[in-house]
Amino acid sequence: MIKRGKFFRALGVTSVAASSMLMMATATTSGASSGTIAKGKPVTIGVSLSLSGDFSGDGLAFKQGYELWAADVNKQGGLLGHKVKLDIVSDASSPTQVVTNYQKLISSDHVNLTFGPFSSLLTLPAAKAVSRYGYAMVEGAGGAPSVFQAGLTNVFDVELPVIGWMLPYAHWMASLPKSQRPKTAAYVTSNDPFTQPQIPVVEKILKKAGIKTVYNSVFPAEVTDFTAIADAVAASKAQAVIIGSNGIPIISGFMQAFEQAHYNPKNIVATGGPDQGSQFIKAVGVKNANGIMVPDTWYGLSSNPQSKKMVAEYVKQYGGTPSGVSADVAEAYAVGQVMANAVKATKGFDNSKIIKYLHSGVTIKSVLGTEKFNKLGESFSATAFTFQWQNGKFLQVNPTSDPNSVKVLYPKPVWGK
């Protein structure tokens, strides 16, 4: 009989790695299979969030959303009589750290459930790590195609897949009268699984509408100084600029460089960043934000009754106005709602049953609207909108056929106006 240590050494595995493998194997066979929690004990939910680093603005907003949801659930007696306890750790926006975090949350902290991190960049490695333990991962910011092409069955995204986010914007731009429609467009994006897939969809539609591409570039995700790239966009003199931004640092960096170059295109849209409410305004200023557009599936003035209740609670606790509430808050809150629904429906905390239930085609209502997951874990029920900052207000501007949409501010005012 080969002893355990010799067996792993024969496979070329170190003692540390062997221990890790055994720990993971134990968790896989027992950690996720326990559907009961002792009376009086809390249900612990493990979360890794970007509380520092590139995604810290979004990570902090997600933390607020998770905490708002947990507080609401606990006011109602918790989940199946168990108070909700959030075990939140920081991953510093690192794909490596996020894996370490979830491994520790499950194998050492023995959390009962897991919620997802922020960004597709972190969601994919996180979901893979959690899958090894048999845990479900409900998340609200991992809608890139790469997440759902990995063959995982345990990940569920409450948001619309990113591939469809920019469609209302592209169709609006293409529908403009020829005399008003931009003649040229520049496309620039971070090499990020959230931003990059959205750009070709827009370019294809705008090209068909006769809008010529004069600049198209993908830059490494590690870039922090956007001046040279922004100067190249300015040199192209494109009348419309589509920026693949995963947060405030990128879009604010481009805006600052454009202003310094005295470059003011007719229209600027960013895949992410302007949706972060007061944080975005604080970074760029109210006047500079005027006319900037962004896609999303939610905003603080949503008429959804559940959303209105959550927004009122947010404003009471954190201040500000409904239009200044980040969409990240709602996405996180919806994650909690979906998990709570699954727990109540399966009458326990068995992750395998939760995964099966969420794949059953059930319809769940949330602050984002209606959630219904396909076999990959994607939810196509949400509606994509485009929003625009107009004189300090974050407003829905398309689809133009929607009665709640206001007229687009076009052309974009010059910087500081």
Protein backbone atom coordinates (compact mmCIF):
# COMPACT_ATOMS: atom_id res chain seq x y z
CA MET A 1 0.00 0.00 0.00
CA ILE A 2 1.43 3.36 -1.01
CA LYS A 3 1.33 5.93 1.77
CA ARG A 4 -0.39 9.20 1.06
CA GLY A 5 2.81 11.30 0.99
CA LYS A 6 4.61 8.90 -1.33
CA PHE A 7 1.57 8.74 -3.60
CA PHE A 8 1.52 12.51 -4.12
CA ARG A 9 5.32 12.67 -4.53
CA ALA A 10 5.05 9.99 -7.20
CA LEU A 11 2.72 12.34 -9.04
CA GLY A 12 5.22 15.18 -8.67
CA VAL A 13 3.04 17.00 -6.15
CA THR A 14 4.55 18.87 -3.20
CA SER A 15 3.35 18.29 0.34
CA VAL A 16 1.75 21.75 0.41
CA ALA A 17 -0.09 21.13 -2.85
CA ALA A 18 -1.08 17.66 -1.64
CA SER A 19 -2.66 19.12 1.45
CA SER A 20 -4.50 21.65 -0.68
CA MET A 21 -5.76 18.93 -3.01
CA LEU A 22 -6.97 16.83 -0.11
CA MET A 23 -8.66 19.84 1.45
CA MET A 24 -10.42 20.62 -1.82
CA ALA A 25 -11.44 17.00 -2.27
CA THR A 26 -12.91 16.93 1.22
CA ALA A 27 -14.80 20.15 0.58
CA THR A 28 -16.08 18.85 -2.76
CA THR A 29 -17.52 15.71 -1.20
CA SER A 30 -18.88 17.24 1.99
CA GLY A 31 -18.65 21.04 2.11
CA ALA A 32 -21.32 21.78 -0.45
CA SER A 33 -23.55 18.80 0.28
CA SER A 34 -24.68 19.87 3.74
CA GLY A 35 -28.14 21.39 3.32
CA THR A 36 -28.84 21.98 6.99
CA ILE A 37 -27.58 24.49 9.54
CA ALA A 38 -27.90 24.01 13.30
CA LYS A 39 -30.71 25.96 14.95
CA GLY A 40 -29.56 29.37 16.10
CA LYS A 41 -26.53 29.41 13.81
CA PRO A 42 -26.25 32.04 11.04
CA VAL A 43 -26.04 31.22 7.36
CA THR A 44 -22.66 32.51 6.23
CA ILE A 45 -22.19 33.81 2.69
CA GLY A 46 -18.66 34.17 1.34
CA VAL A 47 -17.84 37.06 -0.95
CA SER A 48 -14.60 38.31 -2.52
CA LEU A 49 -14.78 41.95 -3.59
CA SER A 50 -12.41 44.51 -5.07
CA LEU A 51 -12.14 46.85 -2.10
CA SER A 52 -8.88 48.23 -3.50
CA GLY A 53 -7.24 48.30 -6.92
CA ASP A 54 -8.71 49.07 -10.35
CA PHE A 55 -12.24 47.92 -9.54
CA SER A 56 -12.48 49.39 -6.04
CA GLY A 57 -15.26 51.85 -6.95
CA ASP A 58 -17.45 49.03 -8.21
CA GLY A 59 -16.38 46.72 -5.40
CA LEU A 60 -17.43 49.18 -2.73
CA ALA A 61 -20.79 49.71 -4.44
CA PHE A 62 -21.31 45.94 -4.60
CA LYS A 63 -20.52 45.73 -0.89
CA GLN A 64 -23.22 48.29 -0.20
CA GLY A 65 -25.71 46.32 -2.29
CA TYR A 66 -24.94 43.03 -0.56
CA GLU A 67 -25.15 44.65 2.86
CA LEU A 68 -28.47 46.36 2.08
CA TRP A 69 -29.93 43.01 1.00
CA ALA A 70 -28.60 41.19 4.07
CA ALA A 71 -30.03 43.87 6.37
CA ASP A 72 -33.45 43.59 4.72
CA VAL A 73 -33.45 39.79 4.95
CA ASN A 74 -32.42 39.86 8.60
CA LYS A 75 -35.22 42.32 9.41
CA GLN A 76 -37.59 39.63 8.12
CA GLY A 77 -36.04 36.86 10.23
CA GLY A 78 -33.21 35.74 7.93
CA LEU A 79 -33.16 32.79 5.54
CA LEU A 80 -35.25 29.87 6.83
CA GLY A 81 -34.88 31.32 10.30
CA HIS A 82 -31.10 31.78 10.09
CA LYS A 83 -29.62 35.27 10.25
CA VAL A 84 -27.46 36.16 7.25
CA LYS A 85 -23.78 36.80 7.94
CA LEU A 86 -21.61 38.15 5.13
CA ASP A 87 -17.96 37.06 5.11
CA ILE A 88 -16.48 39.69 2.75
CA VAL A 89 -12.77 39.72 1.91
CA SER A 90 -10.81 41.95 -0.47
CA ASP A 91 -9.18 40.59 -3.62
CA ALA A 92 -7.47 43.89 -4.54
CA SER A 93 -8.89 43.49 -8.09
CA SER A 94 -6.54 40.51 -8.64
CA PRO A 95 -7.60 37.35 -10.56
CA THR A 96 -5.05 35.38 -8.50
CA GLN A 97 -6.20 36.67 -5.13
CA VAL A 98 -9.85 36.07 -5.91
CA VAL A 99 -9.16 32.33 -6.30
CA THR A 100 -7.24 32.23 -3.02
CA ASN A 101 -10.07 34.07 -1.31
CA TYR A 102 -12.81 31.66 -2.37
CA GLN A 103 -10.69 28.64 -1.54
CA LYS A 104 -10.20 30.02 1.98
CA LEU A 105 -13.83 31.07 2.36
CA ILE A 106 -15.00 27.54 1.58
CA SER A 107 -12.26 25.31 2.99
CA SER A 108 -11.27 27.32 6.08
CA ASP A 109 -14.16 29.66 6.86
CA HIS A 110 -16.72 26.98 5.88
CA VAL A 111 -19.20 29.42 4.37
CA ASN A 112 -22.55 27.95 3.38
CA LEU A 113 -23.09 29.92 0.18
CA THR A 114 -21.09 32.18 -2.15
CA PHE A 115 -21.84 35.41 -4.02
CA GLY A 116 -19.74 36.55 -6.95
CA PRO A 117 -17.02 39.23 -7.17
CA PHE A 118 -16.99 42.23 -9.48
CA SER A 119 -16.04 41.99 -13.18
CA SER A 120 -15.90 39.15 -15.67
CA LEU A 121 -12.11 39.19 -15.29
CA LEU A 122 -12.48 37.98 -11.70
CA THR A 123 -15.74 36.05 -12.03
CA LEU A 124 -14.35 33.37 -14.35
CA PRO A 125 -11.46 32.23 -12.12
CA ALA A 126 -13.69 32.62 -9.05
CA ALA A 127 -16.47 30.49 -10.53
CA LYS A 128 -13.97 27.80 -11.53
CA ALA A 129 -12.56 27.70 -7.99
CA VAL A 130 -16.01 27.56 -6.40
CA SER A 131 -17.14 24.88 -8.87
CA ARG A 132 -14.45 22.50 -7.60
CA TYR A 133 -16.18 22.53 -4.24
CA GLY A 134 -19.64 22.03 -5.74
CA TYR A 135 -20.88 25.48 -4.74
CA ALA A 136 -23.30 27.66 -6.67
CA MET A 137 -22.11 31.17 -7.52
CA VAL A 138 -24.76 33.79 -8.15
CA GLU A 139 -23.17 37.01 -9.43
CA GLY A 140 -24.06 40.33 -10.97
CA ALA A 141 -21.01 41.51 -12.87
CA GLY A 142 -19.70 38.60 -14.90
CA GLY A 143 -21.66 38.65 -18.13
CA ALA A 144 -18.80 38.30 -20.62
CA PRO A 145 -18.99 35.44 -23.15
CA SER A 146 -15.77 33.96 -21.74
CA VAL A 147 -17.51 33.24 -18.42
CA PHE A 148 -20.23 31.17 -20.06
CA GLN A 149 -18.03 29.45 -22.63
CA ALA A 150 -16.01 27.76 -19.87
CA GLY A 151 -18.41 24.85 -19.50
CA LEU A 152 -19.36 25.67 -15.92
CA THR A 153 -22.81 24.77 -14.58
CA ASN A 154 -22.63 26.54 -11.21
CA VAL A 155 -22.50 30.22 -12.22
CA PHE A 156 -25.60 32.41 -12.65
CA ASP A 157 -25.47 36.05 -13.74
CA VAL A 158 -28.43 38.26 -12.82
CA GLU A 159 -27.44 40.85 -15.45
CA LEU A 160 -28.03 40.84 -19.20
CA PRO A 161 -25.04 39.30 -21.05
CA VAL A 162 -22.68 42.10 -22.07
CA ILE A 163 -22.92 41.27 -25.76
CA GLY A 164 -26.33 43.01 -25.86
CA TRP A 165 -25.64 46.07 -23.70
CA MET A 166 -24.70 48.49 -26.49
CA LEU A 167 -27.40 47.54 -29.00
CA PRO A 168 -29.83 50.39 -28.14
CA TYR A 169 -27.00 52.92 -28.49
CA ALA A 170 -25.83 51.51 -31.82
CA HIS A 171 -29.34 51.40 -33.27
CA TRP A 172 -30.01 54.98 -32.14
CA MET A 173 -26.80 56.24 -33.72
CA ALA A 174 -27.54 54.38 -36.97
CA SER A 175 -31.08 55.80 -37.07
CA LEU A 176 -30.00 59.46 -36.99
CA PRO A 177 -30.73 61.45 -40.16
CA LYS A 178 -27.74 61.36 -42.48
CA SER A 179 -27.16 65.08 -42.01
CA GLN A 180 -26.80 64.59 -38.22
CA ARG A 181 -25.17 61.19 -38.14
CA PRO A 182 -21.42 61.15 -37.38
CA LYS A 183 -19.33 60.44 -40.46
CA THR A 184 -16.49 58.80 -38.53
CA ALA A 185 -16.01 56.77 -35.35
CA ALA A 186 -13.12 55.67 -33.16
CA TYR A 187 -13.15 52.49 -31.10
CA VAL A 188 -10.74 51.97 -28.24
CA THR A 189 -11.02 49.35 -25.50
CA SER A 190 -9.22 47.73 -22.63
CA ASN A 191 -8.28 44.10 -23.20
CA ASP A 192 -11.00 43.08 -20.78
CA PRO A 193 -13.65 40.32 -21.11
CA PHE A 194 -16.39 42.79 -20.14
CA THR A 195 -15.48 45.63 -22.49
CA GLN A 196 -13.99 44.03 -25.58
CA PRO A 197 -16.96 41.87 -26.70
CA GLN A 198 -19.23 44.93 -26.83
CA ILE A 199 -17.16 46.89 -29.35
CA PRO A 200 -17.45 44.73 -32.55
CA VAL A 201 -21.24 44.67 -32.17
CA VAL A 202 -21.39 48.47 -32.29
CA GLU A 203 -18.84 48.82 -35.09
CA LYS A 204 -20.73 46.38 -37.32
CA ILE A 205 -24.00 48.33 -36.98
CA LEU A 206 -22.37 51.75 -37.43
CA LYS A 207 -20.38 50.63 -40.46
CA LYS A 208 -23.58 49.41 -42.08
CA ALA A 209 -25.04 52.87 -41.43
CA GLY A 210 -22.14 54.46 -43.32
CA ILE A 211 -20.09 55.58 -40.32
CA LYS A 212 -16.45 55.05 -41.20
CA THR A 213 -14.00 53.58 -38.68
CA VAL A 214 -10.95 55.85 -38.47
CA TYR A 215 -9.36 54.35 -35.35
CA ASN A 216 -9.63 50.96 -33.65
CA SER A 217 -7.31 49.84 -30.88
CA VAL A 218 -7.16 47.42 -27.95
CA PHE A 219 -4.84 48.35 -25.08
CA PRO A 220 -3.53 46.13 -22.26
CA ALA A 221 -5.61 46.03 -19.09
CA GLU A 222 -2.49 47.05 -17.12
CA VAL A 223 -2.33 50.53 -18.73
CA THR A 224 -2.83 53.35 -16.23
CA ASP A 225 -1.77 56.39 -18.28
CA PHE A 226 -4.18 56.86 -21.18
CA THR A 227 -2.72 60.08 -22.57
CA ALA A 228 -0.89 58.59 -25.57
CA ILE A 229 -3.88 56.44 -26.57
CA ALA A 230 -6.31 59.32 -26.11
CA ASP A 231 -4.06 61.61 -28.17
CA ALA A 232 -4.15 59.05 -31.00
CA VAL A 233 -7.95 59.02 -30.85
CA ALA A 234 -7.97 62.84 -30.91
CA ALA A 235 -5.63 62.85 -33.90
CA SER A 236 -8.13 60.70 -35.81
CA LYS A 237 -10.69 63.52 -35.42
CA ALA A 238 -13.44 60.91 -35.07
CA GLN A 239 -16.85 62.46 -34.54
CA ALA A 240 -18.03 59.60 -32.30
CA VAL A 241 -15.89 57.78 -29.74
CA ILE A 242 -16.77 54.37 -28.30
CA ILE A 243 -14.64 53.56 -25.25
CA GLY A 244 -14.35 50.07 -23.74
CA SER A 245 -14.02 51.12 -20.12
CA ASN A 246 -14.48 48.78 -17.14
CA GLY A 247 -14.73 51.58 -14.60
CA ILE A 248 -14.10 55.19 -13.67
CA PRO A 249 -10.27 55.29 -14.01
CA ILE A 250 -10.32 54.53 -17.75
CA ILE A 251 -13.17 56.80 -18.84
CA SER A 252 -12.03 59.67 -16.61
CA GLY A 253 -8.47 59.27 -17.94
CA PHE A 254 -9.66 59.56 -21.54
CA MET A 255 -11.94 62.49 -20.77
CA GLN A 256 -9.13 64.42 -19.10
CA ALA A 257 -6.77 63.77 -22.02
CA PHE A 258 -9.42 64.76 -24.58
CA GLU A 259 -10.07 68.02 -22.76
CA GLN A 260 -6.35 68.83 -22.61
CA ALA A 261 -6.09 68.13 -26.34
CA HIS A 262 -9.11 70.43 -27.00
CA TYR A 263 -10.81 67.48 -28.67
CA ASN A 264 -14.60 67.47 -28.38
CA PRO A 265 -16.32 64.79 -30.48
CA LYS A 266 -20.06 64.91 -31.13
CA ASN A 267 -20.66 61.86 -28.99
CA ILE A 268 -18.84 59.75 -26.38
CA VAL A 269 -20.12 56.48 -24.96
CA ALA A 270 -18.29 54.26 -22.46
CA THR A 271 -19.13 50.66 -21.62
CA GLY A 272 -18.69 51.34 -17.90
CA GLY A 273 -17.85 54.07 -15.42
CA PRO A 274 -20.48 56.79 -16.02
CA ASP A 275 -23.05 54.43 -14.47
CA GLN A 276 -21.40 54.76 -11.05
CA GLY A 277 -23.48 57.76 -10.08
CA SER A 278 -21.98 60.24 -7.65
CA GLN A 279 -18.57 58.52 -7.79
CA PHE A 280 -18.32 59.31 -11.50
CA ILE A 281 -19.40 62.93 -10.99
CA LYS A 282 -16.85 63.32 -8.20
CA ALA A 283 -14.10 62.05 -10.53
CA VAL A 284 -14.87 64.16 -13.62
CA GLY A 285 -17.07 67.04 -12.50
CA VAL A 286 -20.72 67.76 -13.28
CA LYS A 287 -20.04 69.95 -16.31
CA ASN A 288 -17.55 67.59 -17.94
CA ALA A 289 -19.98 64.70 -17.49
CA ASN A 290 -22.57 66.54 -19.56
CA GLY A 291 -23.47 64.44 -22.61
CA ILE A 292 -21.48 61.30 -21.68
CA MET A 293 -23.40 58.07 -22.38
CA VAL A 294 -23.27 54.56 -20.95
CA PRO A 295 -25.26 51.34 -21.40
CA ASP A 296 -26.88 49.50 -18.51
CA THR A 297 -30.02 47.60 -17.54
CA TRP A 298 -30.95 49.61 -14.42
CA TYR A 299 -30.90 53.10 -12.95
CA GLY A 300 -31.96 54.73 -9.74
CA LEU A 301 -35.22 56.15 -11.10
CA SER A 302 -36.51 52.74 -12.20
CA SER A 303 -40.26 52.31 -11.68
CA ASN A 304 -39.80 48.72 -10.47
CA PRO A 305 -41.46 48.67 -6.99
CA GLN A 306 -38.69 46.51 -5.51
CA SER A 307 -36.09 48.84 -6.95
CA LYS A 308 -37.83 51.94 -5.58
CA LYS A 309 -37.85 50.41 -2.10
CA MET A 310 -34.15 49.53 -2.29
CA VAL A 311 -33.20 52.98 -3.60
CA ALA A 312 -35.11 54.68 -0.78
CA GLU A 313 -33.21 52.56 1.75
CA TYR A 314 -29.91 53.36 0.06
CA VAL A 315 -30.51 57.12 0.07
CA LYS A 316 -31.60 57.01 3.71
CA GLN A 317 -28.44 55.16 4.73
CA TYR A 318 -25.81 56.66 2.41
CA GLY A 319 -27.32 59.95 1.26
CA GLY A 320 -27.39 61.37 -2.25
CA THR A 321 -30.21 61.12 -4.78
CA PRO A 322 -31.86 58.19 -6.58
CA SER A 323 -30.18 59.08 -9.89
CA GLY A 324 -26.81 58.97 -8.14
CA VAL A 325 -27.13 55.36 -7.00
CA SER A 326 -24.67 53.07 -8.79
CA ALA A 327 -26.12 50.21 -10.84
CA ASP A 328 -23.63 47.98 -9.02
CA VAL A 329 -25.73 48.35 -5.87
CA ALA A 330 -28.82 46.99 -7.61
CA GLU A 331 -26.89 44.16 -9.25
CA ALA A 332 -25.54 43.03 -5.89
CA TYR A 333 -28.95 43.31 -4.25
CA ALA A 334 -30.47 41.18 -7.04
CA VAL A 335 -27.85 38.49 -6.43
CA GLY A 336 -29.09 38.20 -2.87
CA GLN A 337 -32.72 38.06 -4.00
CA VAL A 338 -32.04 35.22 -6.42
CA MET A 339 -30.14 33.20 -3.83
CA ALA A 340 -32.83 33.79 -1.20
CA ASN A 341 -35.47 32.57 -3.63
CA ALA A 342 -33.47 29.42 -4.36
CA VAL A 343 -32.89 28.69 -0.67
CA LYS A 344 -36.58 29.04 0.16
CA ALA A 345 -37.66 26.98 -2.86
CA THR A 346 -35.26 24.12 -2.06
CA LYS A 347 -35.92 24.45 1.70
CA GLY A 348 -32.26 24.38 2.60
CA PHE A 349 -28.69 25.32 1.79
CA ASP A 350 -27.73 22.36 -0.37
CA ASN A 351 -25.73 23.89 -3.23
CA SER A 352 -26.43 21.02 -5.62
CA LYS A 353 -30.17 21.54 -5.17
CA ILE A 354 -29.76 25.30 -5.58
CA ILE A 355 -27.89 24.81 -8.86
CA LYS A 356 -30.56 22.42 -10.14
CA TYR A 357 -33.35 24.79 -9.15
CA LEU A 358 -31.80 27.82 -10.89
CA HIS A 359 -31.37 25.74 -14.05
CA SER A 360 -35.04 24.66 -13.97
CA GLY A 361 -36.32 27.67 -15.94
CA VAL A 362 -37.98 29.25 -12.94
CA THR A 363 -38.79 32.98 -13.12
CA ILE A 364 -37.60 35.17 -10.22
CA LYS A 365 -38.42 38.84 -9.68
CA SER A 366 -35.68 41.18 -8.52
CA VAL A 367 -34.80 44.87 -8.34
CA LEU A 368 -33.42 44.48 -11.87
CA GLY A 369 -36.66 43.02 -13.22
CA THR A 370 -37.21 39.40 -14.16
CA GLU A 371 -34.55 36.70 -13.85
CA LYS A 372 -34.72 33.46 -15.81
CA PHE A 373 -31.53 31.52 -16.46
CA ASN A 374 -30.72 29.47 -19.53
CA LYS A 375 -28.68 26.28 -19.46
CA LEU A 376 -25.45 28.31 -19.34
CA GLY A 377 -26.59 30.45 -16.39
CA GLU A 378 -27.25 33.59 -18.44
CA SER A 379 -30.34 35.75 -17.92
CA PHE A 380 -31.68 37.32 -21.10
CA SER A 381 -34.83 38.73 -19.49
CA ALA A 382 -33.40 42.17 -18.70
CA THR A 383 -33.82 45.11 -21.07
CA ALA A 384 -30.79 47.05 -22.26
CA PHE A 385 -30.94 50.84 -22.06
CA THR A 386 -28.61 53.73 -22.72
CA PHE A 387 -28.22 56.47 -20.14
CA GLN A 388 -26.75 59.94 -20.42
CA TRP A 389 -25.61 62.59 -17.99
CA GLN A 390 -27.54 65.78 -18.68
CA ASN A 391 -26.91 68.83 -16.49
CA GLY A 392 -26.09 66.74 -13.45
CA LYS A 393 -28.89 64.21 -13.95
CA PHE A 394 -28.48 60.58 -15.03
CA LEU A 395 -31.27 59.99 -17.54
CA GLN A 396 -32.54 57.16 -19.72
CA VAL A 397 -32.27 58.18 -23.39
CA ASN A 398 -32.90 55.01 -25.37
CA PRO A 399 -34.45 52.86 -26.67
CA THR A 400 -36.08 55.96 -28.07
CA SER A 401 -39.37 54.04 -28.36
CA ASP A 402 -39.53 53.66 -24.56
CA PRO A 403 -41.91 56.27 -23.05
CA ASN A 404 -39.47 56.79 -20.16
CA SER A 405 -36.64 57.84 -22.48
CA VAL A 406 -35.84 61.54 -22.81
CA LYS A 407 -34.26 63.23 -25.82
CA VAL A 408 -30.55 62.57 -26.28
CA LEU A 409 -28.29 65.57 -25.69
CA TYR A 410 -26.56 65.61 -29.08
CA PRO A 411 -24.06 66.83 -30.07
CA LYS A 412 -22.25 66.57 -26.76
CA PRO A 413 -21.56 70.02 -25.23
CA VAL A 414 -17.96 71.20 -25.13
CA TRP A 415 -16.00 70.33 -22.01
CA GLY A 416 -17.07 72.23 -18.92
CA LYS A 417 -20.39 73.41 -20.42
